[in-house]
Amino acid sequence: MTSNSHSLIERITKHYPDLTPNSRRLADYLLLNPEKVLIMSTNDIAEVCSVSKTSVSRFIRRLGYADHLSLRNELLAVRERGQPVLTSALDNCDFHQEIQALERLREQLKSVDMKAIIKHLAEAKRIKIIGYRNSYPLALHFRQQLMQCRSHVELLPLPGQTIGEDLAAIEEDDFVIVIGIRRRVSHFSKIIEQLQAHQCLLITDQSGQKYVQSTTHSLICHMNNETPLDSYAVPMSLISHLVNNTYQLLNGEATKVSSKISVNYSKLNELE
C-alpha cells in the first residue's frame, strides 16, 4: 500500500511522542478506530474520549489537516481507491446497496448498444478476457460461462506469465474484454492504450470511468463505498446477463456446445 493509504495512522505515529495526555487519548482511539472520523462528529469523538471538542479540533490541526472535513475527505478518497474503510454505521447490513446498484446497472444497459456487444461475444473469432487481482475471479467466471456456449475463449495472461506477448497476438477479428474493478494494476492504463486499435469491452467500477473514452465499449458497475469490503454482486450479475444473451443469440449452436460439454462430464465422471 502507498503511504497515502495510511496517512492518518502515519501522522498520528509521527506526532505521538509529543502529544499531550488528552491528545494521546484521542490518538489511541483513532489508531484503533480510524473509520470513526467518517461516521462520528468531532463532538461525538470528544465525548467518547472524554475530552473537549476544542481538543479534538486542535488534535486534527496538529496532524496537519485543516479541519475535520479535510481529514474525512482523505479517508473517503482512500475508500474510493478500494481500501477497506468503514464509512457508515452498519446497524443493519442488508442488500439495499446491492439492489440500488443493480437498478443503476439496469438503467445503464438501456442506454448502451447491447446488441453490438452481444454480437461480438457471439461472433468474434476469439474472445480474450483480461483480469488481475480481484478482477481475476470475475474474468475466470466469465470465461467458464462463455465456454458453455462457444469455443475459443481465452483468459489472459496465463498464471506466471506477462501480458506483452498476449497483447501482440490479438488479431483484428478478436474481441477483448478487460475487467478492472477497484485496485487496478499499475500498468492497467498501458493495457488500455495497447488495445485502442481493437474491439474492446471495459468492465469497471466508477473509479475506472476515466478509461471509457479509450475503449469501444464500456459498462460501469457502481460499487458501494459505505461498507468496508466490496460486494461483487453487480459485476457477477452483469456477466450472467451478457452470457445468457449470448447463449440466446447463438441458439442452436450454443446448445450443441453445452451438450457436448455435458457428455464429456459424463464420460470422464468429473461431476457428482
Protein backbone atom coordinates (compact mmCIF):
# COMPACT_ATOMS: atom_id res chain seq x y z
CA MET A 1 0.00 0.00 0.00
CA THR A 2 1.07 3.53 -0.61
CA SER A 3 1.96 5.91 2.16
CA ASN A 4 -1.19 7.91 1.36
CA SER A 5 -3.29 4.87 2.27
CA HIS A 6 -2.04 5.10 5.85
CA SER A 7 -1.69 8.87 6.05
CA LEU A 8 -3.79 9.32 9.21
CA ILE A 9 -2.09 6.49 11.09
CA GLU A 10 1.36 7.58 9.95
CA ARG A 11 0.74 11.15 11.09
CA ILE A 12 -0.51 10.02 14.49
CA THR A 13 2.52 7.75 14.93
CA LYS A 14 4.88 10.55 13.94
CA HIS A 15 3.44 13.07 16.44
CA TYR A 16 2.62 10.62 19.25
CA PRO A 17 5.72 11.21 21.44
CA ASP A 18 4.98 14.94 21.66
CA LEU A 19 1.23 14.71 22.30
CA THR A 20 -0.47 15.88 25.49
CA PRO A 21 -2.37 13.32 27.61
CA ASN A 22 -5.71 14.40 26.09
CA SER A 23 -4.31 14.19 22.58
CA ARG A 24 -2.84 10.76 23.29
CA ARG A 25 -6.28 9.60 24.39
CA LEU A 26 -7.60 10.73 21.01
CA ALA A 27 -4.63 9.20 19.22
CA ASP A 28 -5.12 5.83 20.91
CA TYR A 29 -8.79 5.82 19.97
CA LEU A 30 -8.26 6.76 16.31
CA LEU A 31 -5.34 4.37 15.84
CA LEU A 32 -7.76 1.55 16.66
CA ASN A 33 -10.81 3.13 15.02
CA PRO A 34 -9.73 5.43 12.14
CA GLU A 35 -13.10 4.92 10.42
CA LYS A 36 -14.82 6.76 13.30
CA VAL A 37 -13.70 10.01 11.66
CA LEU A 38 -16.19 9.23 8.89
CA ILE A 39 -19.17 8.20 10.98
CA MET A 40 -18.81 10.45 14.05
CA SER A 41 -18.77 14.20 14.52
CA THR A 42 -15.97 15.95 16.40
CA ASN A 43 -18.40 16.32 19.30
CA ASP A 44 -19.09 12.56 19.31
CA ILE A 45 -15.36 11.76 19.26
CA ALA A 46 -14.76 14.22 22.08
CA GLU A 47 -17.47 12.60 24.20
CA VAL A 48 -16.16 9.07 23.66
CA CYS A 49 -12.60 10.12 24.55
CA SER A 50 -13.66 12.34 27.48
CA VAL A 51 -12.05 15.45 26.04
CA SER A 52 -13.41 18.77 24.79
CA LYS A 53 -14.50 19.41 21.22
CA THR A 54 -11.77 22.05 21.07
CA SER A 55 -9.20 19.38 21.94
CA VAL A 56 -10.38 17.25 19.00
CA SER A 57 -10.14 20.18 16.59
CA ARG A 58 -6.71 21.12 17.92
CA PHE A 59 -5.54 17.49 17.60
CA ILE A 60 -6.70 17.28 13.97
CA ARG A 61 -4.85 20.50 13.12
CA ARG A 62 -1.75 19.19 14.94
CA LEU A 63 -1.75 16.26 12.50
CA GLY A 64 -1.60 18.70 9.58
CA TYR A 65 -5.23 18.74 8.47
CA ALA A 66 -7.14 21.98 8.00
CA ASP A 67 -10.19 20.60 9.81
CA HIS A 68 -12.32 17.51 10.37
CA LEU A 69 -13.77 17.77 6.86
CA SER A 70 -10.37 17.62 5.15
CA LEU A 71 -9.45 14.54 7.20
CA ARG A 72 -12.78 12.93 6.33
CA ASN A 73 -12.30 13.66 2.62
CA GLU A 74 -8.89 11.99 2.69
CA LEU A 75 -10.38 8.80 4.15
CA LEU A 76 -13.20 8.84 1.59
CA ALA A 77 -10.60 9.07 -1.19
CA VAL A 78 -8.83 6.05 0.30
CA ARG A 79 -12.10 4.09 0.21
CA GLU A 80 -12.68 5.14 -3.39
CA ARG A 81 -9.36 3.52 -4.30
CA GLY A 82 -10.58 0.23 -2.85
CA GLN A 83 -9.03 0.08 0.61
CA PRO A 84 -11.45 -1.28 3.24
CA VAL A 85 -12.76 1.63 5.30
CA LEU A 86 -15.98 1.70 7.30
CA THR A 87 -17.75 4.86 6.09
CA SER A 88 -21.08 4.49 7.90
CA ALA A 89 -22.54 2.69 10.86
CA LEU A 90 -23.69 -0.81 9.90
CA ASP A 91 -26.76 -1.10 12.10
CA ASN A 92 -28.40 -3.40 9.57
CA CYS A 93 -26.07 -4.76 6.88
CA ASP A 94 -28.60 -5.88 4.27
CA PHE A 95 -28.73 -5.93 0.48
CA HIS A 96 -30.12 -2.43 0.00
CA GLN A 97 -26.96 -1.05 -1.62
CA GLU A 98 -26.64 -4.03 -3.97
CA ILE A 99 -30.26 -3.63 -5.07
CA GLN A 100 -29.71 0.06 -5.76
CA ALA A 101 -26.53 -0.67 -7.74
CA LEU A 102 -28.31 -3.35 -9.78
CA GLU A 103 -31.11 -0.90 -10.58
CA ARG A 104 -28.49 1.58 -11.69
CA LEU A 105 -26.87 -1.06 -13.91
CA ARG A 106 -30.22 -1.93 -15.47
CA GLU A 107 -30.85 1.71 -16.35
CA GLN A 108 -27.36 1.95 -17.85
CA LEU A 109 -27.95 -1.09 -20.06
CA LYS A 110 -30.97 0.65 -21.59
CA SER A 111 -28.72 3.42 -22.92
CA VAL A 112 -25.93 1.18 -24.23
CA ASP A 113 -25.81 -0.60 -27.59
CA MET A 114 -26.03 -4.05 -26.02
CA LYS A 115 -26.80 -5.71 -29.35
CA ALA A 116 -23.35 -4.77 -30.63
CA ILE A 117 -21.65 -6.15 -27.51
CA ILE A 118 -23.61 -9.41 -27.60
CA LYS A 119 -22.90 -9.78 -31.33
CA HIS A 120 -19.16 -9.50 -30.62
CA LEU A 121 -19.42 -12.07 -27.81
CA ALA A 122 -21.22 -14.48 -30.11
CA GLU A 123 -19.43 -13.98 -33.42
CA ALA A 124 -15.86 -12.83 -32.72
CA LYS A 125 -13.20 -15.25 -33.92
CA ARG A 126 -11.73 -15.41 -30.42
CA ILE A 127 -12.61 -13.87 -27.07
CA LYS A 128 -9.74 -12.64 -24.89
CA ILE A 129 -10.51 -11.83 -21.26
CA ILE A 130 -8.08 -9.90 -19.06
CA GLY A 131 -8.47 -9.53 -15.30
CA TYR A 132 -5.99 -9.05 -12.46
CA ARG A 133 -6.29 -9.22 -8.66
CA ASN A 134 -9.96 -9.13 -7.56
CA SER A 135 -10.98 -8.93 -11.21
CA TYR A 136 -9.32 -12.29 -11.91
CA PRO A 137 -12.16 -14.42 -10.42
CA LEU A 138 -14.62 -12.36 -12.49
CA ALA A 139 -12.59 -12.97 -15.65
CA LEU A 140 -12.29 -16.67 -14.83
CA HIS A 141 -16.06 -16.98 -14.27
CA PHE A 142 -16.79 -15.03 -17.47
CA ARG A 143 -14.62 -17.44 -19.46
CA GLN A 144 -16.18 -20.52 -17.86
CA GLN A 145 -19.69 -19.28 -18.65
CA LEU A 146 -18.88 -18.29 -22.23
CA MET A 147 -17.30 -21.69 -22.81
CA GLN A 148 -20.76 -23.19 -22.26
CA CYS A 149 -21.99 -21.64 -25.50
CA ARG A 150 -18.97 -21.04 -27.76
CA SER A 151 -15.35 -22.00 -28.31
CA HIS A 152 -12.09 -20.02 -28.46
CA VAL A 153 -12.41 -18.10 -25.19
CA GLU A 154 -9.04 -17.34 -23.60
CA LEU A 155 -8.02 -15.94 -20.22
CA LEU A 156 -5.00 -13.61 -20.32
CA PRO A 157 -2.31 -13.79 -19.17
CA LEU A 158 -1.63 -17.35 -18.12
CA PRO A 159 -0.51 -17.73 -14.48
CA GLY A 160 3.13 -16.72 -14.10
CA GLN A 161 3.24 -15.03 -17.49
CA THR A 162 3.33 -11.36 -18.53
CA ILE A 163 0.76 -9.78 -20.83
CA GLY A 164 3.03 -8.39 -23.59
CA GLU A 165 3.09 -11.49 -25.76
CA ASP A 166 -0.67 -11.94 -25.50
CA LEU A 167 -1.40 -8.35 -26.48
CA ALA A 168 0.85 -8.71 -29.52
CA ALA A 169 -1.05 -11.84 -30.59
CA ILE A 170 -4.50 -10.19 -30.65
CA GLU A 171 -5.93 -10.20 -34.17
CA GLU A 172 -8.41 -7.95 -35.93
CA ASP A 173 -11.29 -10.43 -35.60
CA ASP A 174 -10.79 -10.92 -31.84
CA PHE A 175 -12.92 -9.29 -29.14
CA VAL A 176 -11.16 -8.29 -25.92
CA ILE A 177 -12.80 -7.94 -22.52
CA VAL A 178 -10.86 -6.08 -19.83
CA ILE A 179 -12.15 -6.23 -16.25
CA GLY A 180 -10.70 -3.63 -13.89
CA ILE A 181 -12.61 -3.29 -10.62
CA ARG A 182 -11.15 -1.13 -7.85
CA ARG A 183 -7.41 -1.63 -7.23
CA ARG A 184 -6.08 -1.99 -10.75
CA VAL A 185 -2.50 -2.99 -11.56
CA SER A 186 -0.06 -0.15 -12.21
CA HIS A 187 0.18 -0.89 -15.94
CA PHE A 188 -3.61 -1.01 -16.46
CA SER A 189 -3.59 2.27 -18.42
CA LYS A 190 -0.87 0.87 -20.69
CA ILE A 191 -3.00 -2.20 -21.41
CA ILE A 192 -5.96 0.01 -22.35
CA GLU A 193 -3.68 2.09 -24.54
CA GLN A 194 -2.41 -1.02 -26.35
CA LEU A 195 -5.99 -2.14 -27.02
CA GLN A 196 -7.24 1.08 -28.61
CA ALA A 197 -6.88 -0.41 -32.09
CA HIS A 198 -9.11 -3.39 -31.21
CA GLN A 199 -12.75 -4.01 -30.38
CA CYS A 200 -12.72 -3.98 -26.60
CA LEU A 201 -15.24 -4.08 -23.76
CA LEU A 202 -14.18 -2.48 -20.48
CA ILE A 203 -15.99 -3.59 -17.32
CA THR A 204 -15.02 -1.37 -14.41
CA ASP A 205 -16.33 0.47 -11.35
CA GLN A 206 -16.98 4.19 -11.03
CA SER A 207 -13.30 4.92 -10.42
CA GLY A 208 -12.40 3.46 -13.84
CA GLN A 209 -14.63 5.77 -15.86
CA LYS A 210 -11.54 7.72 -16.89
CA TYR A 211 -10.76 4.90 -19.36
CA VAL A 212 -14.17 4.90 -21.07
CA GLN A 213 -13.12 7.20 -23.90
CA SER A 214 -10.25 4.85 -24.78
CA THR A 215 -12.40 1.74 -25.37
CA THR A 216 -15.03 0.89 -27.96
CA HIS A 217 -17.47 -0.41 -25.35
CA SER A 218 -17.72 0.09 -21.59
CA LEU A 219 -20.01 -0.92 -18.74
CA ILE A 220 -19.78 0.62 -15.27
CA CYS A 221 -20.55 -1.40 -12.14
CA HIS A 222 -21.11 1.09 -9.34
CA MET A 223 -19.58 -0.27 -6.15
CA ASN A 224 -20.81 0.54 -2.66
CA ASN A 225 -18.46 2.80 -0.67
CA GLU A 226 -20.41 2.59 2.60
CA THR A 227 -19.21 -0.86 3.64
CA PRO A 228 -15.53 -1.67 4.32
CA LEU A 229 -15.37 -4.65 1.93
CA ASP A 230 -16.79 -4.77 -1.58
CA SER A 231 -19.65 -6.91 -2.82
CA TYR A 232 -19.17 -8.19 -6.37
CA ALA A 233 -22.87 -8.92 -6.87
CA VAL A 234 -23.20 -6.28 -9.61
CA PRO A 235 -20.32 -7.37 -11.92
CA MET A 236 -21.28 -11.02 -11.43
CA SER A 237 -24.88 -10.21 -12.38
CA LEU A 238 -23.62 -8.29 -15.41
CA ILE A 239 -21.57 -11.29 -16.54
CA SER A 240 -24.62 -13.52 -16.19
CA HIS A 241 -26.66 -11.07 -18.26
CA LEU A 242 -24.07 -10.91 -21.03
CA VAL A 243 -23.56 -14.67 -21.24
CA ASN A 244 -27.24 -15.56 -21.21
CA ASN A 245 -27.95 -13.10 -24.00
CA THR A 246 -25.02 -14.54 -25.95
CA TYR A 247 -26.42 -18.05 -25.47
CA GLN A 248 -29.81 -16.93 -26.78
CA LEU A 249 -28.27 -15.29 -29.84
CA LEU A 250 -26.24 -18.40 -30.68
CA ASN A 251 -29.31 -20.55 -30.02
CA GLY A 252 -28.77 -23.99 -31.59
CA GLU A 253 -25.00 -23.60 -31.82
CA ALA A 254 -24.79 -22.85 -28.11
CA THR A 255 -26.96 -25.86 -27.33
CA LYS A 256 -24.57 -28.10 -29.28
CA VAL A 257 -21.59 -26.78 -27.35
CA SER A 258 -23.21 -27.14 -23.92
CA SER A 259 -24.49 -30.63 -24.78
CA LYS A 260 -21.04 -31.73 -25.87
CA ILE A 261 -19.59 -30.46 -22.59
CA SER A 262 -22.22 -32.37 -20.61
CA VAL A 263 -21.38 -35.56 -22.49
CA ASN A 264 -17.70 -35.10 -21.67
CA TYR A 265 -18.51 -34.57 -17.99
CA SER A 266 -20.38 -37.88 -18.03
CA LYS A 267 -17.67 -39.78 -19.92
CA LEU A 268 -14.93 -38.53 -17.62
CA ASN A 269 -17.07 -38.89 -14.49
CA GLU A 270 -15.95 -35.43 -13.38
CA LEU A 271 -19.08 -34.35 -11.53
CA GLU A 272 -21.43 -35.89 -8.99
